[in-house]
Amino acid sequence: MPDAANEDAMRTPATPEKANNHERPAATTVNIPLVNEVQLTAATGGAELSCYRCTVPFGVVVLIAGIVVTAVAYSFNSHGSTISYFGLVLLSAGLVLLASSVVCWKMKLERKKERRRESQTTLVANQRSIFT
């Protein structure tokens, strides 16, 4: 019985038109379309394949900030203080960002070389089939 009272309290009050109608409205379903790589590239302008372009500027800025904060902390001879730890964290984060951008750039070059090899292989195979 208490459950019935809670259900009534949680429902929104019916409008006068719907007060006489005891039918529930049909449930609406939402279809979420699957997105493939081509659609994602079209929507983002190809930015998902350029992680190294984003991380280089952020890495450089964080690296410079880390160098400055660390230099200021150690110039005041405050080894082991919060500011020196913060500077070292910024310094290492900048190095990690730059290293990850180099890794992404190398991966992109490898993919580009692989695509060239595949296209050349297809071209040579098509050329042989034309002449035979």
N, C-alpha and C. Protein backbone atom coordinates (compact mmCIF):
# COMPACT_ATOMS: atom_id res chain seq x y z
N MET A 1 0.80 -1.19 0.00
CA MET A 1 0.00 0.00 0.00
C MET A 1 0.85 1.27 0.00
N PRO A 2 1.95 1.32 0.79
CA PRO A 2 2.78 2.52 0.74
C PRO A 2 3.40 2.72 -0.64
N ASP A 3 3.65 1.61 -1.38
CA ASP A 3 4.23 1.75 -2.72
C ASP A 3 3.28 2.47 -3.65
N ALA A 4 1.99 2.20 -3.54
CA ALA A 4 1.00 2.85 -4.39
C ALA A 4 0.97 4.35 -4.11
N ALA A 5 1.12 4.73 -2.86
CA ALA A 5 1.13 6.15 -2.51
C ALA A 5 2.36 6.84 -3.12
N ASN A 6 3.50 6.16 -3.10
CA ASN A 6 4.71 6.74 -3.68
C ASN A 6 4.59 6.88 -5.19
N GLU A 7 3.97 5.90 -5.86
CA GLU A 7 3.81 5.98 -7.30
C GLU A 7 2.93 7.15 -7.67
N ASP A 8 1.85 7.37 -6.92
CA ASP A 8 0.97 8.50 -7.21
C ASP A 8 1.68 9.82 -6.98
N ALA A 9 2.52 9.87 -5.97
CA ALA A 9 3.23 11.11 -5.66
C ALA A 9 4.29 11.41 -6.71
N MET A 10 4.83 10.38 -7.37
CA MET A 10 5.90 10.59 -8.32
C MET A 10 5.38 10.92 -9.72
N ARG A 11 4.11 10.69 -9.98
CA ARG A 11 3.56 10.99 -11.30
C ARG A 11 3.25 12.47 -11.42
N THR A 12 3.32 12.97 -12.63
CA THR A 12 2.96 14.36 -12.85
C THR A 12 1.44 14.45 -12.92
N PRO A 13 0.87 15.54 -12.49
CA PRO A 13 -0.59 15.66 -12.53
C PRO A 13 -1.07 15.69 -13.97
N ALA A 14 -2.19 15.03 -14.20
CA ALA A 14 -2.75 14.94 -15.55
C ALA A 14 -3.46 16.23 -15.91
N THR A 15 -3.40 16.58 -17.19
CA THR A 15 -4.13 17.74 -17.66
C THR A 15 -5.60 17.37 -17.75
N PRO A 16 -6.53 18.33 -17.79
CA PRO A 16 -7.95 17.99 -17.85
C PRO A 16 -8.32 17.12 -19.03
N GLU A 17 -7.61 17.26 -20.16
CA GLU A 17 -7.93 16.44 -21.32
C GLU A 17 -7.59 14.97 -21.06
N LYS A 18 -6.48 14.75 -20.37
CA LYS A 18 -6.00 13.40 -20.15
C LYS A 18 -6.57 12.77 -18.89
N ALA A 19 -7.30 13.51 -18.10
CA ALA A 19 -7.80 12.99 -16.83
C ALA A 19 -8.77 11.84 -17.06
N ASN A 20 -9.54 11.87 -18.11
CA ASN A 20 -10.52 10.81 -18.39
C ASN A 20 -9.90 9.64 -19.12
N ASN A 21 -8.79 9.86 -19.77
CA ASN A 21 -8.15 8.81 -20.57
C ASN A 21 -7.14 8.08 -19.70
N HIS A 22 -7.32 6.78 -19.49
CA HIS A 22 -6.43 6.01 -18.61
C HIS A 22 -5.34 5.27 -19.38
N GLU A 23 -5.23 5.52 -20.68
CA GLU A 23 -4.19 4.86 -21.47
C GLU A 23 -2.86 5.56 -21.28
N ARG A 24 -1.82 4.77 -21.25
CA ARG A 24 -0.48 5.34 -21.14
C ARG A 24 0.04 5.67 -22.54
N PRO A 25 0.80 6.75 -22.66
CA PRO A 25 1.36 7.06 -23.98
C PRO A 25 2.40 6.02 -24.37
N ALA A 26 2.55 5.84 -25.66
CA ALA A 26 3.52 4.86 -26.16
C ALA A 26 4.93 5.32 -25.82
N ALA A 27 5.77 4.37 -25.49
CA ALA A 27 7.16 4.68 -25.15
C ALA A 27 7.90 5.07 -26.43
N THR A 28 8.67 6.11 -26.32
CA THR A 28 9.45 6.53 -27.48
C THR A 28 10.84 5.92 -27.39
N THR A 29 11.32 5.47 -28.51
CA THR A 29 12.66 4.89 -28.56
C THR A 29 13.57 5.83 -29.34
N VAL A 30 14.79 5.87 -28.91
CA VAL A 30 15.78 6.71 -29.57
C VAL A 30 16.83 5.79 -30.17
N ASN A 31 17.00 5.89 -31.45
CA ASN A 31 18.02 5.09 -32.13
C ASN A 31 19.30 5.90 -32.24
N ILE A 32 20.38 5.36 -31.72
CA ILE A 32 21.68 6.02 -31.81
C ILE A 32 22.43 5.39 -32.98
N PRO A 33 22.70 6.17 -34.00
CA PRO A 33 23.36 5.59 -35.17
C PRO A 33 24.82 5.25 -34.88
N LEU A 34 25.29 4.20 -35.52
CA LEU A 34 26.71 3.86 -35.42
C LEU A 34 27.50 4.77 -36.33
N VAL A 35 28.61 5.23 -35.84
CA VAL A 35 29.44 6.16 -36.60
C VAL A 35 30.68 5.42 -37.04
N ASN A 36 30.95 5.47 -38.33
CA ASN A 36 32.17 4.82 -38.80
C ASN A 36 33.30 5.85 -38.90
N GLU A 37 34.46 5.39 -39.28
CA GLU A 37 35.65 6.24 -39.28
C GLU A 37 35.54 7.37 -40.30
N VAL A 38 34.91 7.12 -41.42
CA VAL A 38 34.78 8.15 -42.45
C VAL A 38 33.89 9.29 -41.95
N GLN A 39 32.79 8.94 -41.29
CA GLN A 39 31.90 9.97 -40.75
C GLN A 39 32.59 10.76 -39.63
N LEU A 40 33.37 10.07 -38.80
CA LEU A 40 34.10 10.76 -37.74
C LEU A 40 35.12 11.72 -38.32
N THR A 41 35.80 11.30 -39.35
CA THR A 41 36.78 12.17 -40.00
C THR A 41 36.10 13.38 -40.62
N ALA A 42 34.94 13.16 -41.24
CA ALA A 42 34.20 14.27 -41.83
C ALA A 42 33.70 15.25 -40.77
N ALA A 43 33.29 14.72 -39.63
CA ALA A 43 32.75 15.59 -38.57
C ALA A 43 33.84 16.39 -37.87
N THR A 44 35.01 15.81 -37.69
CA THR A 44 36.07 16.48 -36.96
C THR A 44 37.08 17.16 -37.86
N GLY A 45 36.94 17.00 -39.16
CA GLY A 45 37.89 17.60 -40.07
C GLY A 45 39.23 16.89 -40.08
N GLY A 46 39.27 15.65 -39.63
CA GLY A 46 40.50 14.87 -39.61
C GLY A 46 41.36 15.13 -38.40
N ALA A 47 40.83 15.82 -37.39
CA ALA A 47 41.64 16.17 -36.22
C ALA A 47 41.95 14.96 -35.35
N GLU A 48 41.18 13.89 -35.47
CA GLU A 48 41.43 12.72 -34.62
C GLU A 48 42.70 11.99 -35.03
N LEU A 49 43.20 12.26 -36.20
CA LEU A 49 44.42 11.61 -36.66
C LEU A 49 45.66 12.49 -36.47
N SER A 50 45.52 13.61 -35.80
CA SER A 50 46.64 14.54 -35.66
C SER A 50 46.94 14.84 -34.20
N CYS A 51 47.08 13.80 -33.41
CA CYS A 51 47.33 14.02 -31.97
C CYS A 51 48.67 14.70 -31.75
N TYR A 52 49.65 14.42 -32.60
CA TYR A 52 50.96 15.02 -32.40
C TYR A 52 50.93 16.52 -32.64
N ARG A 53 50.01 16.99 -33.47
CA ARG A 53 49.91 18.43 -33.71
C ARG A 53 49.37 19.17 -32.48
N CYS A 54 48.53 18.50 -31.71
CA CYS A 54 47.97 19.13 -30.51
C CYS A 54 48.93 19.08 -29.34
N THR A 55 49.61 17.95 -29.19
CA THR A 55 50.43 17.77 -28.00
C THR A 55 51.75 18.53 -28.06
N VAL A 56 52.21 18.85 -29.24
CA VAL A 56 53.48 19.59 -29.33
C VAL A 56 53.37 20.97 -28.68
N PRO A 57 52.38 21.80 -29.04
CA PRO A 57 52.32 23.11 -28.38
C PRO A 57 52.07 23.03 -26.88
N PHE A 58 51.17 22.13 -26.47
CA PHE A 58 50.92 21.98 -25.04
C PHE A 58 52.15 21.47 -24.31
N GLY A 59 52.84 20.53 -24.94
CA GLY A 59 54.06 20.00 -24.33
C GLY A 59 55.13 21.06 -24.18
N VAL A 60 55.29 21.91 -25.19
CA VAL A 60 56.30 22.97 -25.13
C VAL A 60 55.95 23.98 -24.04
N VAL A 61 54.68 24.37 -23.96
CA VAL A 61 54.26 25.34 -22.94
C VAL A 61 54.45 24.77 -21.54
N VAL A 62 54.03 23.52 -21.35
CA VAL A 62 54.17 22.90 -20.03
C VAL A 62 55.65 22.69 -19.69
N LEU A 63 56.45 22.33 -20.67
CA LEU A 63 57.88 22.16 -20.43
C LEU A 63 58.53 23.48 -20.02
N ILE A 64 58.20 24.56 -20.72
CA ILE A 64 58.75 25.87 -20.36
C ILE A 64 58.29 26.28 -18.97
N ALA A 65 57.01 26.06 -18.67
CA ALA A 65 56.51 26.40 -17.33
C ALA A 65 57.23 25.57 -16.27
N GLY A 66 57.47 24.30 -16.56
CA GLY A 66 58.18 23.45 -15.62
C GLY A 66 59.61 23.90 -15.39
N ILE A 67 60.27 24.32 -16.46
CA ILE A 67 61.65 24.81 -16.33
C ILE A 67 61.68 26.07 -15.48
N VAL A 68 60.75 26.98 -15.74
CA VAL A 68 60.72 28.25 -15.00
C VAL A 68 60.41 28.01 -13.53
N VAL A 69 59.39 27.21 -13.24
CA VAL A 69 59.00 26.98 -11.84
C VAL A 69 60.12 26.25 -11.10
N THR A 70 60.72 25.27 -11.75
CA THR A 70 61.82 24.55 -11.11
C THR A 70 63.01 25.46 -10.87
N ALA A 71 63.34 26.31 -11.84
CA ALA A 71 64.47 27.24 -11.67
C ALA A 71 64.20 28.23 -10.54
N VAL A 72 62.98 28.73 -10.46
CA VAL A 72 62.65 29.67 -9.38
C VAL A 72 62.72 28.97 -8.03
N ALA A 73 62.19 27.75 -7.96
CA ALA A 73 62.19 27.02 -6.69
C ALA A 73 63.62 26.73 -6.23
N TYR A 74 64.47 26.30 -7.14
CA TYR A 74 65.83 25.95 -6.73
C TYR A 74 66.73 27.18 -6.58
N SER A 75 66.34 28.30 -7.18
CA SER A 75 67.14 29.51 -6.99
C SER A 75 66.97 30.05 -5.57
N PHE A 76 65.82 29.81 -4.97
CA PHE A 76 65.60 30.20 -3.57
C PHE A 76 66.02 29.10 -2.60
N ASN A 77 66.68 28.08 -3.13
CA ASN A 77 67.20 26.99 -2.32
C ASN A 77 66.10 26.32 -1.50
N SER A 78 64.96 26.06 -2.15
CA SER A 78 63.84 25.44 -1.45
C SER A 78 63.65 24.00 -1.95
N HIS A 79 64.66 23.20 -1.74
CA HIS A 79 64.61 21.80 -2.15
C HIS A 79 63.58 21.07 -1.30
N GLY A 80 62.71 20.28 -1.93
CA GLY A 80 61.72 19.50 -1.20
C GLY A 80 60.46 20.26 -0.85
N SER A 81 60.35 21.50 -1.31
CA SER A 81 59.13 22.26 -1.03
C SER A 81 58.06 21.92 -2.06
N THR A 82 56.87 22.39 -1.83
CA THR A 82 55.74 22.12 -2.73
C THR A 82 55.99 22.69 -4.11
N ILE A 83 56.55 23.88 -4.16
CA ILE A 83 56.79 24.52 -5.45
C ILE A 83 57.84 23.77 -6.27
N SER A 84 58.83 23.21 -5.61
CA SER A 84 59.84 22.45 -6.35
C SER A 84 59.25 21.16 -6.89
N TYR A 85 58.38 20.52 -6.10
CA TYR A 85 57.70 19.32 -6.60
C TYR A 85 56.77 19.66 -7.76
N PHE A 86 56.08 20.78 -7.65
CA PHE A 86 55.19 21.20 -8.73
C PHE A 86 55.97 21.47 -10.01
N GLY A 87 57.13 22.11 -9.87
CA GLY A 87 57.97 22.37 -11.04
C GLY A 87 58.47 21.08 -11.68
N LEU A 88 58.85 20.12 -10.86
CA LEU A 88 59.30 18.84 -11.40
C LEU A 88 58.16 18.07 -12.08
N VAL A 89 56.96 18.18 -11.53
CA VAL A 89 55.80 17.53 -12.15
C VAL A 89 55.51 18.17 -13.50
N LEU A 90 55.54 19.50 -13.56
CA LEU A 90 55.33 20.19 -14.84
C LEU A 90 56.42 19.83 -15.84
N LEU A 91 57.63 19.78 -15.38
CA LEU A 91 58.76 19.43 -16.25
C LEU A 91 58.59 18.03 -16.83
N SER A 92 58.25 17.08 -15.99
CA SER A 92 58.07 15.70 -16.48
C SER A 92 56.83 15.58 -17.37
N ALA A 93 55.76 16.32 -17.04
CA ALA A 93 54.56 16.27 -17.89
C ALA A 93 54.86 16.84 -19.28
N GLY A 94 55.64 17.90 -19.34
CA GLY A 94 56.02 18.46 -20.63
C GLY A 94 56.85 17.48 -21.45
N LEU A 95 57.77 16.80 -20.78
CA LEU A 95 58.58 15.80 -21.50
C LEU A 95 57.72 14.63 -21.98
N VAL A 96 56.76 14.20 -21.16
CA VAL A 96 55.87 13.10 -21.56
C VAL A 96 55.01 13.52 -22.75
N LEU A 97 54.49 14.74 -22.74
CA LEU A 97 53.69 15.22 -23.87
C LEU A 97 54.51 15.28 -25.15
N LEU A 98 55.73 15.77 -25.05
CA LEU A 98 56.58 15.84 -26.24
C LEU A 98 56.96 14.44 -26.73
N ALA A 99 57.22 13.53 -25.81
CA ALA A 99 57.55 12.16 -26.21
C ALA A 99 56.35 11.48 -26.86
N SER A 100 55.16 11.72 -26.32
CA SER A 100 53.97 11.11 -26.93
C SER A 100 53.70 11.69 -28.31
N SER A 101 53.99 12.97 -28.50
CA SER A 101 53.80 13.55 -29.83
C SER A 101 54.78 12.96 -30.83
N VAL A 102 56.00 12.68 -30.39
CA VAL A 102 56.98 12.03 -31.28
C VAL A 102 56.52 10.63 -31.64
N VAL A 103 55.99 9.90 -30.67
CA VAL A 103 55.50 8.54 -30.93
C VAL A 103 54.34 8.58 -31.92
N CYS A 104 53.40 9.50 -31.71
CA CYS A 104 52.26 9.63 -32.64
C CYS A 104 52.72 10.00 -34.04
N TRP A 105 53.70 10.89 -34.13
CA TRP A 105 54.21 11.30 -35.43
C TRP A 105 54.87 10.13 -36.15
N LYS A 106 55.64 9.32 -35.41
CA LYS A 106 56.28 8.15 -36.01
C LYS A 106 55.24 7.15 -36.49
N MET A 107 54.19 6.95 -35.70
CA MET A 107 53.12 6.02 -36.10
C MET A 107 52.43 6.51 -37.36
N LYS A 108 52.22 7.81 -37.47
CA LYS A 108 51.58 8.36 -38.67
C LYS A 108 52.47 8.16 -39.89
N LEU A 109 53.78 8.37 -39.73
CA LEU A 109 54.70 8.16 -40.86
C LEU A 109 54.69 6.70 -41.31
N GLU A 110 54.66 5.78 -40.34
CA GLU A 110 54.62 4.35 -40.68
C GLU A 110 53.34 4.00 -41.44
N ARG A 111 52.21 4.54 -40.97
CA ARG A 111 50.94 4.28 -41.67
C ARG A 111 50.97 4.85 -43.08
N LYS A 112 51.58 6.03 -43.23
CA LYS A 112 51.66 6.65 -44.56
C LYS A 112 52.53 5.80 -45.49
N LYS A 113 53.65 5.29 -44.96
CA LYS A 113 54.51 4.43 -45.78
C LYS A 113 53.79 3.15 -46.17
N GLU A 114 53.02 2.59 -45.24
CA GLU A 114 52.29 1.36 -45.52
C GLU A 114 51.22 1.60 -46.59
N ARG A 115 50.54 2.74 -46.53
CA ARG A 115 49.54 3.05 -47.56
C ARG A 115 50.19 3.21 -48.92
N ARG A 116 51.37 3.83 -48.96
CA ARG A 116 52.07 3.98 -50.24
C ARG A 116 52.44 2.63 -50.82
N ARG A 117 52.93 1.73 -49.94
CA ARG A 117 53.29 0.38 -50.43
C ARG A 117 52.07 -0.34 -50.97
N GLU A 118 50.94 -0.22 -50.25
CA GLU A 118 49.72 -0.89 -50.71
C GLU A 118 49.25 -0.32 -52.04
N SER A 119 49.30 1.00 -52.20
CA SER A 119 48.85 1.60 -53.45
C SER A 119 49.79 1.23 -54.59
N GLN A 120 51.10 1.16 -54.32
CA GLN A 120 52.04 0.77 -55.37
C GLN A 120 51.83 -0.70 -55.74
N THR A 121 51.55 -1.54 -54.77
CA THR A 121 51.30 -2.95 -55.06
C THR A 121 50.05 -3.10 -55.92
N THR A 122 49.01 -2.36 -55.58
CA THR A 122 47.78 -2.40 -56.37
C THR A 122 48.02 -1.88 -57.77
N LEU A 123 48.79 -0.81 -57.90
CA LEU A 123 49.09 -0.24 -59.21
C LEU A 123 49.87 -1.22 -60.07
N VAL A 124 50.87 -1.87 -59.50
CA VAL A 124 51.67 -2.84 -60.25
C VAL A 124 50.81 -4.03 -60.65
N ALA A 125 49.95 -4.49 -59.76
CA ALA A 125 49.07 -5.62 -60.08
C ALA A 125 48.10 -5.26 -61.19
N ASN A 126 47.55 -4.03 -61.17
CA ASN A 126 46.65 -3.60 -62.22
C ASN A 126 47.39 -3.43 -63.54
N GLN A 127 48.62 -2.96 -63.49
CA GLN A 127 49.41 -2.77 -64.70
C GLN A 127 49.71 -4.13 -65.34
N ARG A 128 50.02 -5.13 -64.53
CA ARG A 128 50.28 -6.46 -65.08
C ARG A 128 49.03 -7.05 -65.71
N SER A 129 47.87 -6.83 -65.08
CA SER A 129 46.64 -7.40 -65.63
C SER A 129 46.24 -6.71 -66.93
N ILE A 130 46.63 -5.45 -67.11
CA ILE A 130 46.32 -4.74 -68.35
C ILE A 130 47.14 -5.29 -69.49
N PHE A 131 48.42 -5.58 -69.25
CA PHE A 131 49.32 -6.02 -70.32
C PHE A 131 49.25 -7.52 -70.59
N THR A 132 48.59 -8.28 -69.79
CA THR A 132 48.54 -9.73 -70.03
C THR A 132 47.23 -10.14 -70.64
